[in-house]
Amino acid sequence: MEIEEIIEKIRKFAIEKKLTVYLVGGYLRDKFLRRKSKDVDIVMEFDALKFAKEFSEKYGFPEPVFYGRFGTAMVEVDGIKIEFATCRKESYPEDSRKPEVFPATIYEDLKRRDFTINAIAKNLITGEIIDPFDGKKDLKRKIIRTPIDPDKTFYDDPLRILRGIRFAARFKFKIEERTKEGMKKNVFRLKIVSIERISEEIMKMLEATQPSIAFYLLEEIGALQLILPEVSALKDKDNLIDIKPEERQWKELFTHTMKTLDNISKHTKNVYLRLAALLHDIGKPKTLRIEKGKVSFHGHEFVGERMADSICKRLKIGEKETEFIKKMIRYHLRPHLLAKENPTDRGIRRFIKEVGKDMKSLFILARADLTSQNPQRVREALERLDNLEKRIKEVNKRDKISSFKLAIDGFDIMEILDLKPGKIVGQVKKYLENMVLEGNLPNKKRKLKKFLKENKEEILQKAYEMVSYT
């Protein structure tokens, strides 16, 4: 069922019930912006729960999910979410985003909303547009502005700070200066927002066509230091205070990261790959070294990988997605290094095995990471990456590395080396795979077992070293 069909059914049902209902929120805003929307918000000055229940029964839709405290009900039809809400006004306690709710008129309901562009209503019976705060004008002017005093708006519900920045990035709107000042003044209130809601907003910011808009704004108002201090540290000059200007021979890290993020967003909608781009250099401030006027960040990819693990845990990112992000950060330099080295087929086989199915994503990140102001340098680097990727495909097609499987498994390794399940077993298996792929061992079960028995101490020592390093 199309979204317009559902709205028309709501309109007809309201006429039948002799009630006035209003279309509000994102659907109406996006309609004015000529954008598609999959959510519908309906408000009314009477019992929305009863209306939703009777509406669903009339048309045989799924039973609503009720949120009695807020006077709202949710009905989902063919992936379209319809929220029915009783008009309300709110009063917020000092230490919580959860308001006390009171019945209200449509005008009072619009007044409590976060931004003027979301404080527009359409009377579905008469077609009248109710726009007491000039939201339509702000849509035309491309302005993010609060309907009431921004200080109150953001103090009451600080999540609106992140929502405003997300809207600015999504629509490429400017945040009105008074509204931005209100964000700055109340940014400390973000401490009362749950990490789940913060994480949700960050991921939505990453969906924008130019996500850097959001992260520049977060840094400007002081929010980035609170929600992603590891990214904010890329702009932190405290650890560079003793460096002479002539020694600063590297790209400004924060600016480079923003360019990388925007570059990658032109080629993928995968928000986890975009998040990897945002975090790919976070290990640099901790690994900064200057010797004889030369700057280095040795090992920043490994430091960054460990930091990303902590960030993903903090943001409640799934385990599978976290491992993907960590892998991208760990290997983000490798395509460039291999492209310059002209590696042997043996080296390429090992690289294919290490990266596996995420090779395409890694090359998208590697290309995005090229932010030099020298066009010739970028062209040459892209050409090297193209040639390397072509060779990888040729070697993989010929040797079928992607489908490679070691002739022995973890149980064989545990039995021969007297090990319990854990990371050591994985490192031993990886070591054997590399030996086979490099042509130093045949992929034969009997030969591999014999090699393990004869080199037990040496193999275990290497495995323990790798585990302690990672």
Protein backbone atom coordinates (compact mmCIF):
# COMPACT_ATOMS: atom_id res chain seq x y z
CA MET A 1 0.00 0.00 0.00
CA GLU A 2 1.27 3.47 -0.92
CA ILE A 3 1.72 6.07 1.81
CA GLU A 4 -0.76 8.46 0.14
CA GLU A 5 -3.42 5.72 0.19
CA ILE A 6 -3.00 5.30 3.94
CA ILE A 7 -3.26 9.06 4.54
CA GLU A 8 -6.42 9.19 2.44
CA LYS A 9 -7.94 6.35 4.50
CA ILE A 10 -7.13 8.28 7.70
CA ARG A 11 -8.79 11.39 6.24
CA LYS A 12 -11.95 9.52 5.27
CA PHE A 13 -12.16 7.75 8.62
CA ALA A 14 -11.79 11.09 10.45
CA ILE A 15 -14.63 12.56 8.35
CA GLU A 16 -16.76 9.51 9.15
CA LYS A 17 -16.06 10.04 12.87
CA LYS A 18 -16.65 13.82 12.52
CA LEU A 19 -13.20 14.51 13.99
CA THR A 20 -10.35 16.81 12.97
CA VAL A 21 -6.91 15.23 12.49
CA TYR A 22 -3.63 16.84 11.52
CA LEU A 23 -0.70 15.60 9.49
CA VAL A 24 2.57 16.79 11.10
CA GLY A 25 6.26 16.03 11.40
CA GLY A 26 8.76 14.51 9.01
CA TYR A 27 6.35 13.42 6.28
CA LEU A 28 4.94 16.92 5.88
CA ARG A 29 8.41 18.50 6.06
CA ASP A 30 9.79 16.08 3.48
CA LYS A 31 6.76 16.67 1.24
CA PHE A 32 7.60 20.38 1.12
CA LEU A 33 11.22 19.47 0.36
CA ARG A 34 10.09 17.04 -2.37
CA ARG A 35 11.68 14.13 -0.52
CA LYS A 36 10.27 10.67 0.11
CA SER A 37 9.27 9.64 3.61
CA LYS A 38 8.16 6.31 5.09
CA ASP A 39 6.80 7.61 8.38
CA VAL A 40 3.45 9.34 8.96
CA ASP A 41 2.65 11.39 12.08
CA ILE A 42 -0.97 12.15 12.86
CA VAL A 43 -2.05 14.32 15.82
CA MET A 44 -5.50 15.13 17.17
CA GLU A 45 -7.00 17.02 20.09
CA PHE A 46 -8.72 13.91 21.47
CA ASP A 47 -7.98 10.25 22.29
CA ALA A 48 -5.48 9.12 19.64
CA LEU A 49 -5.28 5.60 21.12
CA LYS A 50 -8.99 5.02 20.59
CA PHE A 51 -8.83 6.50 17.07
CA ALA A 52 -5.86 4.27 16.13
CA LYS A 53 -7.58 1.13 17.45
CA GLU A 54 -10.83 1.80 15.58
CA PHE A 55 -8.96 2.82 12.40
CA SER A 56 -6.92 -0.41 12.39
CA GLU A 57 -10.04 -2.52 13.00
CA LYS A 58 -11.95 -0.78 10.20
CA TYR A 59 -9.30 -1.50 7.55
CA GLY A 60 -7.95 -4.79 8.89
CA PHE A 61 -4.53 -3.35 9.72
CA PRO A 62 -2.26 -4.80 12.44
CA GLU A 63 -3.23 -3.96 16.00
CA PRO A 64 -1.58 -0.75 17.24
CA VAL A 65 1.28 -0.69 19.72
CA PHE A 66 0.18 1.65 22.51
CA TYR A 67 2.30 4.13 24.50
CA GLY A 68 -0.33 5.30 26.97
CA ARG A 69 1.86 7.68 28.95
CA PHE A 70 2.47 9.83 25.88
CA GLY A 71 -0.98 9.28 24.37
CA THR A 72 0.51 7.70 21.23
CA ALA A 73 -0.14 4.56 19.19
CA MET A 74 1.93 3.03 16.38
CA VAL A 75 0.50 1.11 13.45
CA GLU A 76 2.78 -0.43 10.80
CA VAL A 77 1.40 -1.19 7.33
CA ASP A 78 3.64 -2.59 4.58
CA GLY A 79 6.74 -1.12 6.22
CA ILE A 80 5.11 2.29 6.68
CA LYS A 81 4.96 3.46 10.30
CA ILE A 82 1.94 5.56 11.26
CA GLU A 83 2.06 7.26 14.65
CA PHE A 84 -1.18 8.59 16.10
CA ALA A 85 -0.71 11.07 18.95
CA THR A 86 -2.94 13.11 21.18
CA CYS A 87 -1.89 16.78 21.12
CA ARG A 88 0.26 17.45 24.16
CA LYS A 89 2.43 19.92 26.00
CA GLU A 90 5.34 18.87 28.17
CA SER A 91 7.20 19.71 31.37
CA TYR A 92 10.74 18.36 31.80
CA PRO A 93 12.39 17.44 35.13
CA GLU A 94 15.93 18.72 35.73
CA ASP A 95 17.75 15.41 35.31
CA SER A 96 15.73 13.58 32.69
CA ARG A 97 14.59 13.68 29.07
CA LYS A 98 11.32 12.02 30.07
CA PRO A 99 8.67 14.77 30.32
CA GLU A 100 5.42 15.02 32.18
CA VAL A 101 2.68 15.19 29.57
CA PHE A 102 -0.54 17.24 29.53
CA PRO A 103 -3.39 17.52 26.98
CA ALA A 104 -3.04 20.48 24.63
CA THR A 105 -4.31 22.24 21.51
CA ILE A 106 -2.70 21.78 18.10
CA TYR A 107 -0.94 25.15 18.53
CA GLU A 108 0.50 24.15 21.90
CA ASP A 109 1.59 20.82 20.39
CA LEU A 110 3.47 22.55 17.57
CA LYS A 111 5.08 24.95 20.06
CA ARG A 112 6.73 22.09 21.97
CA ARG A 113 8.42 20.68 18.85
CA ASP A 114 12.17 20.80 18.28
CA PHE A 115 12.51 22.96 15.14
CA THR A 116 10.27 25.22 13.09
CA ILE A 117 10.62 22.95 10.03
CA ASN A 118 8.98 20.19 12.12
CA ALA A 119 6.36 22.50 13.67
CA ILE A 120 4.01 22.62 10.69
CA ALA A 121 0.61 20.89 10.54
CA LYS A 122 -1.93 20.18 7.82
CA ASN A 123 -5.61 19.86 8.65
CA LEU A 124 -6.50 16.69 6.75
CA ILE A 125 -10.19 17.62 6.61
CA THR A 126 -9.90 21.18 5.25
CA GLY A 127 -6.38 21.06 3.76
CA GLU A 128 -5.41 24.17 5.79
CA ILE A 129 -1.69 24.54 6.61
CA ILE A 130 -1.02 25.64 10.20
CA ASP A 131 2.43 27.22 10.45
CA PRO A 132 2.63 29.52 13.50
CA PHE A 133 6.45 29.64 13.56
CA ASP A 134 7.14 30.19 9.83
CA GLY A 135 8.53 26.71 9.28
CA LYS A 136 7.80 26.83 5.54
CA LYS A 137 9.86 30.03 5.25
CA ASP A 138 12.72 28.35 7.08
CA LEU A 139 12.51 25.42 4.66
CA LYS A 140 12.89 27.84 1.76
CA ARG A 141 15.69 29.73 3.51
CA LYS A 142 17.34 26.41 4.48
CA ILE A 143 17.48 27.34 8.15
CA ILE A 144 17.40 25.22 11.31
CA ARG A 145 15.69 27.26 14.06
CA THR A 146 13.76 26.50 17.26
CA PRO A 147 10.11 27.62 17.60
CA ILE A 148 10.72 29.02 21.10
CA ASP A 149 13.76 30.19 23.09
CA PRO A 150 16.56 27.74 22.07
CA ASP A 151 17.93 27.82 25.60
CA LYS A 152 14.71 26.20 26.86
CA THR A 153 14.42 23.85 23.87
CA PHE A 154 17.89 22.33 24.38
CA TYR A 155 17.93 22.46 28.17
CA ASP A 156 14.66 20.52 28.31
CA ASP A 157 15.74 17.90 25.77
CA PRO A 158 19.45 18.01 24.83
CA LEU A 159 19.02 15.22 22.27
CA ARG A 160 17.55 17.97 20.11
CA ILE A 161 21.09 19.37 19.79
CA LEU A 162 22.17 16.22 17.92
CA ARG A 163 18.92 16.09 15.95
CA GLY A 164 19.41 19.68 14.80
CA ILE A 165 22.93 18.93 13.62
CA ARG A 166 21.72 15.77 11.90
CA PHE A 167 19.04 17.77 10.05
CA ALA A 168 21.63 20.40 9.07
CA ALA A 169 23.82 17.69 7.53
CA ARG A 170 20.97 15.74 5.93
CA PHE A 171 19.37 18.78 4.27
CA LYS A 172 22.54 20.93 4.00
CA PHE A 173 20.80 23.68 6.00
CA LYS A 174 22.43 26.36 8.13
CA ILE A 175 21.77 26.50 11.86
CA GLU A 176 20.52 29.94 12.86
CA GLU A 177 23.12 31.68 15.07
CA ARG A 178 20.84 32.10 18.09
CA THR A 179 19.90 28.43 17.85
CA LYS A 180 23.57 27.45 17.56
CA GLU A 181 24.40 29.52 20.63
CA GLY A 182 21.66 27.69 22.51
CA MET A 183 23.28 24.40 21.47
CA LYS A 184 26.68 25.54 22.74
CA LYS A 185 25.25 26.79 26.02
CA ASN A 186 23.45 23.51 26.75
CA VAL A 187 25.87 20.98 25.28
CA PHE A 188 26.79 19.83 28.82
CA ARG A 189 23.23 18.49 29.14
CA LEU A 190 24.07 15.69 26.69
CA LYS A 191 25.27 13.76 29.77
CA ILE A 192 21.64 12.92 30.59
CA VAL A 193 21.05 11.37 27.13
CA SER A 194 21.38 7.59 26.89
CA ILE A 195 24.30 6.26 24.86
CA GLU A 196 21.85 4.32 22.69
CA ARG A 197 20.15 7.54 21.53
CA ILE A 198 23.52 9.26 20.99
CA SER A 199 24.74 6.29 18.95
CA GLU A 200 21.56 6.32 16.89
CA GLU A 201 22.06 10.00 16.03
CA ILE A 202 25.73 9.48 15.10
CA MET A 203 24.81 6.66 12.73
CA LYS A 204 22.08 8.81 11.14
CA MET A 205 24.59 11.65 10.69
CA LEU A 206 26.81 9.18 8.81
CA GLU A 207 23.95 8.54 6.37
CA ALA A 208 24.14 12.12 5.01
CA THR A 209 25.57 12.64 1.53
CA GLN A 210 28.19 14.94 3.10
CA PRO A 211 28.59 13.73 6.71
CA SER A 212 31.46 16.12 7.48
CA ILE A 213 28.87 18.91 7.88
CA ALA A 214 27.61 17.20 11.04
CA PHE A 215 31.04 16.54 12.54
CA TYR A 216 32.33 20.06 11.90
CA LEU A 217 29.22 21.36 13.67
CA LEU A 218 29.66 18.91 16.57
CA GLU A 219 33.22 20.14 17.00
CA GLU A 220 32.18 23.79 16.73
CA ILE A 221 29.60 23.60 19.53
CA GLY A 222 31.76 21.42 21.80
CA ALA A 223 29.68 18.22 21.47
CA LEU A 224 32.30 16.10 19.69
CA GLN A 225 34.58 16.17 22.73
CA LEU A 226 31.72 14.72 24.77
CA ILE A 227 30.41 12.02 22.44
CA LEU A 228 33.49 11.10 20.34
CA PRO A 229 36.55 12.49 22.15
CA GLU A 230 38.86 10.24 20.09
CA VAL A 231 37.78 12.03 16.90
CA SER A 232 37.89 15.45 18.55
CA ALA A 233 41.50 14.69 19.59
CA LEU A 234 42.47 14.78 15.91
CA LYS A 235 42.04 18.55 16.17
CA ASP A 236 43.60 18.82 19.62
CA LYS A 237 46.79 20.88 19.57
CA ASP A 238 47.81 20.14 23.18
CA ASN A 239 50.02 17.23 22.14
CA LEU A 240 51.62 19.39 19.44
CA ILE A 241 52.41 22.38 21.64
CA ASP A 242 56.22 21.95 21.50
CA ILE A 243 56.37 21.44 17.74
CA LYS A 244 57.87 24.23 15.69
CA PRO A 245 55.78 25.47 12.74
CA GLU A 246 58.42 24.34 10.23
CA GLU A 247 58.19 20.79 11.61
CA ARG A 248 54.46 20.51 10.94
CA GLN A 249 54.83 18.61 7.70
CA TRP A 250 51.57 16.64 7.80
CA LYS A 251 47.98 17.23 6.84
CA GLU A 252 45.75 18.63 9.58
CA LEU A 253 44.35 15.36 10.89
CA PHE A 254 40.76 16.44 11.52
CA THR A 255 40.41 18.10 8.11
CA HIS A 256 41.94 15.05 6.40
CA THR A 257 39.51 12.76 8.24
CA MET A 258 36.53 14.87 7.18
CA LYS A 259 37.67 14.78 3.54
CA THR A 260 38.13 11.01 3.75
CA LEU A 261 34.64 10.64 5.21
CA ASP A 262 33.06 12.72 2.45
CA ASN A 263 35.09 10.90 -0.22
CA ILE A 264 33.96 7.48 0.94
CA SER A 265 30.34 8.62 1.20
CA LYS A 266 30.32 9.23 -2.56
CA HIS A 267 30.99 5.53 -3.15
CA THR A 268 29.18 3.60 -0.41
CA LYS A 269 26.05 3.83 1.71
CA ASN A 270 27.46 1.32 4.20
CA VAL A 271 27.39 3.34 7.46
CA TYR A 272 29.87 0.97 9.11
CA LEU A 273 32.41 1.55 6.35
CA ARG A 274 31.75 5.27 6.74
CA LEU A 275 32.31 4.91 10.49
CA ALA A 276 35.61 3.15 9.76
CA ALA A 277 36.60 6.15 7.62
CA LEU A 278 35.72 8.50 10.49
CA LEU A 279 37.89 6.46 12.88
CA HIS A 280 40.70 5.34 10.56
CA ASP A 281 43.32 7.80 11.89
CA ILE A 282 42.31 8.08 15.56
CA GLY A 283 45.54 6.31 16.55
CA LYS A 284 47.70 9.11 15.13
CA PRO A 285 47.71 11.56 18.07
CA LYS A 286 48.95 8.76 20.36
CA THR A 287 51.68 7.61 17.95
CA LEU A 288 52.99 11.02 16.88
CA ARG A 289 56.81 11.12 16.83
CA ILE A 290 59.18 13.80 15.53
CA GLU A 291 62.80 12.94 14.85
CA LYS A 292 65.15 15.32 13.06
CA GLY A 293 62.22 17.38 11.83
CA LYS A 294 60.40 14.37 10.35
CA VAL A 295 56.94 13.39 11.54
CA SER A 296 55.82 9.78 11.87
CA PHE A 297 52.80 7.86 13.17
CA HIS A 298 54.25 4.32 13.22
CA GLY A 299 51.73 1.68 14.23
CA HIS A 300 48.79 4.11 14.34
CA GLU A 301 46.60 1.58 12.52
CA PHE A 302 47.01 -0.97 15.35
CA VAL A 303 46.49 1.63 18.08
CA GLY A 304 43.47 2.93 16.15
CA GLU A 305 42.04 -0.58 15.86
CA ARG A 306 42.12 -1.05 19.63
CA MET A 307 40.60 2.40 20.21
CA ALA A 308 37.86 1.64 17.67
CA ASP A 309 37.01 -1.54 19.56
CA SER A 310 36.38 0.54 22.71
CA ILE A 311 34.35 3.12 20.78
CA CYS A 312 32.16 0.48 19.15
CA LYS A 313 31.51 -1.17 22.51
CA ARG A 314 30.60 2.21 23.97
CA LEU A 315 28.23 2.97 21.09
CA LYS A 316 26.63 -0.50 21.33
CA ILE A 317 27.70 -1.41 17.78
CA GLY A 318 27.12 -5.10 16.97
CA GLU A 319 30.00 -7.57 17.27
CA LYS A 320 30.06 -8.43 13.55
CA GLU A 321 30.05 -4.76 12.52
CA THR A 322 32.74 -3.96 15.12
CA GLU A 323 35.05 -6.63 13.70
CA PHE A 324 34.52 -5.22 10.21
CA ILE A 325 35.36 -1.66 11.35
CA LYS A 326 38.47 -2.87 13.19
CA LYS A 327 39.64 -4.81 10.14
CA MET A 328 39.24 -1.77 7.89
CA ILE A 329 41.32 0.36 10.28
CA ARG A 330 43.98 -2.33 10.76
CA TYR A 331 44.53 -2.75 7.01
CA HIS A 332 43.77 0.74 5.68
CA LEU A 333 47.42 1.45 4.83
CA ARG A 334 48.17 -1.93 3.26
CA PRO A 335 46.76 -1.33 -0.25
CA HIS A 336 48.93 1.80 -0.61
CA LEU A 337 52.05 0.03 0.68
CA LEU A 338 51.53 -3.04 -1.52
CA ALA A 339 50.77 -0.88 -4.56
CA LYS A 340 54.17 0.82 -4.17
CA GLU A 341 56.06 -2.45 -3.55
CA ASN A 342 54.88 -4.36 -6.64
CA PRO A 343 54.44 -7.50 -4.49
CA THR A 344 54.97 -11.11 -5.52
CA ASP A 345 52.02 -13.42 -6.13
CA ARG A 346 52.89 -15.01 -2.78
CA GLY A 347 52.44 -11.67 -1.01
CA ILE A 348 49.17 -11.06 -2.81
CA ARG A 349 47.87 -14.50 -1.87
CA ARG A 350 48.61 -13.80 1.79
CA PHE A 351 46.89 -10.42 1.56
CA ILE A 352 43.78 -11.95 -0.03
CA LYS A 353 43.59 -14.51 2.75
CA GLU A 354 43.96 -11.85 5.48
CA VAL A 355 41.34 -9.45 4.12
CA GLY A 356 38.95 -12.02 2.64
CA LYS A 357 35.50 -10.90 1.49
CA ASP A 358 36.09 -7.31 2.68
CA MET A 359 38.65 -6.54 -0.06
CA LYS A 360 36.26 -4.32 -2.05
CA SER A 361 35.41 -2.26 1.05
CA LEU A 362 39.11 -1.88 1.90
CA PHE A 363 39.90 -0.49 -1.55
CA ILE A 364 36.98 1.96 -1.28
CA LEU A 365 38.53 3.21 1.99
CA ALA A 366 42.05 3.29 0.52
CA ARG A 367 40.91 5.45 -2.40
CA ALA A 368 38.91 7.74 -0.10
CA ASP A 369 42.03 8.21 2.04
CA LEU A 370 43.74 10.08 -0.82
CA THR A 371 43.17 13.73 0.07
CA SER A 372 46.33 15.38 -1.27
CA GLN A 373 46.00 18.85 -2.80
CA ASN A 374 48.30 17.66 -5.60
CA PRO A 375 46.06 16.23 -8.38
CA GLN A 376 48.98 14.49 -10.09
CA ARG A 377 49.93 12.68 -6.88
CA VAL A 378 46.34 11.52 -6.40
CA ARG A 379 46.09 10.30 -10.01
CA GLU A 380 49.31 8.30 -9.67
CA ALA A 381 48.20 6.75 -6.37
CA LEU A 382 44.79 5.82 -7.84
CA GLU A 383 46.47 4.23 -10.85
CA ARG A 384 48.69 2.13 -8.57
CA LEU A 385 45.64 1.00 -6.57
CA ASP A 386 43.80 0.10 -9.80
CA ASN A 387 46.73 -2.00 -10.96
CA LEU A 388 47.02 -3.74 -7.59
CA GLU A 389 43.30 -4.51 -7.47
CA LYS A 390 43.50 -5.97 -10.98
CA ARG A 391 46.38 -8.23 -9.94
CA ILE A 392 44.50 -9.33 -6.82
CA LYS A 393 41.51 -10.36 -8.95
CA GLU A 394 43.78 -12.25 -11.37
CA VAL A 395 45.63 -14.14 -8.60
CA ASN A 396 42.40 -14.90 -6.75
CA LYS A 397 40.71 -16.21 -9.91
CA ARG A 398 43.70 -18.39 -10.77
CA ASP A 399 44.49 -19.76 -7.31
CA LYS A 400 40.98 -19.56 -5.80
CA ILE A 401 42.35 -18.06 -2.56
CA SER A 402 38.91 -16.88 -1.45
CA SER A 403 37.73 -20.50 -1.24
CA PHE A 404 41.00 -21.75 0.31
CA LYS A 405 40.57 -24.05 3.30
CA LEU A 406 43.34 -25.39 5.50
CA ALA A 407 43.52 -29.21 5.47
CA ILE A 408 43.45 -29.36 9.29
CA ASP A 409 41.10 -27.57 11.67
CA GLY A 410 41.19 -26.10 15.18
CA PHE A 411 40.47 -29.45 16.82
CA ASP A 412 43.57 -30.97 15.17
CA ILE A 413 45.67 -28.02 16.34
CA MET A 414 44.37 -28.27 19.93
CA GLU A 415 45.03 -32.00 20.06
CA ILE A 416 48.61 -31.84 18.71
CA LEU A 417 49.68 -28.74 20.69
CA ASP A 418 47.69 -29.62 23.80
CA LEU A 419 45.73 -26.34 23.71
CA LYS A 420 42.32 -25.23 24.92
CA PRO A 421 39.95 -23.21 22.70
CA GLY A 422 41.06 -19.57 22.41
CA LYS A 423 43.00 -16.96 20.48
CA ILE A 424 46.22 -19.04 20.41
CA VAL A 425 44.51 -21.68 18.29
CA GLY A 426 43.41 -18.99 15.83
CA GLN A 427 46.94 -17.57 15.59
CA VAL A 428 48.43 -21.03 14.96
CA LYS A 429 45.89 -21.64 12.22
CA LYS A 430 46.66 -18.27 10.64
CA TYR A 431 50.40 -19.05 10.78
CA LEU A 432 49.85 -22.39 9.00
CA GLU A 433 47.62 -20.76 6.37
CA ASN A 434 50.33 -18.22 5.58
CA MET A 435 52.95 -20.99 5.33
CA VAL A 436 50.76 -22.86 2.82
CA LEU A 437 49.84 -19.77 0.80
CA GLU A 438 53.50 -18.76 0.56
CA GLY A 439 54.39 -22.18 -0.80
CA ASN A 440 56.45 -23.23 2.24
CA LEU A 441 54.12 -26.09 3.20
CA PRO A 442 51.83 -28.37 1.20
CA ASN A 443 48.16 -28.24 2.17
CA LYS A 444 48.13 -31.91 3.15
CA LYS A 445 46.71 -33.09 6.46
CA ARG A 446 49.53 -35.53 7.21
CA LYS A 447 52.25 -33.02 6.33
CA LEU A 448 50.68 -30.24 8.41
CA LYS A 449 50.31 -32.46 11.46
CA LYS A 450 53.92 -33.58 11.15
CA PHE A 451 55.08 -29.95 10.86
CA LEU A 452 53.14 -29.02 14.01
CA LYS A 453 54.64 -31.87 16.04
CA GLU A 454 58.21 -31.16 14.92
CA ASN A 455 58.02 -27.36 15.46
CA LYS A 456 55.71 -27.24 18.47
CA GLU A 457 57.73 -24.85 20.69
CA GLU A 458 58.61 -22.39 17.94
CA ILE A 459 55.04 -22.20 16.64
CA LEU A 460 53.57 -21.70 20.12
CA GLN A 461 56.08 -18.95 20.89
CA LYS A 462 55.11 -17.06 17.70
CA ALA A 463 51.41 -17.51 18.43
CA TYR A 464 51.76 -16.16 21.98
CA GLU A 465 53.74 -13.17 20.68
CA MET A 466 51.02 -12.37 18.13
CA VAL A 467 48.24 -12.61 20.74
CA SER A 468 50.10 -10.33 23.17
CA TYR A 469 50.78 -7.84 20.35
CA THR A 470 47.16 -7.65 19.23
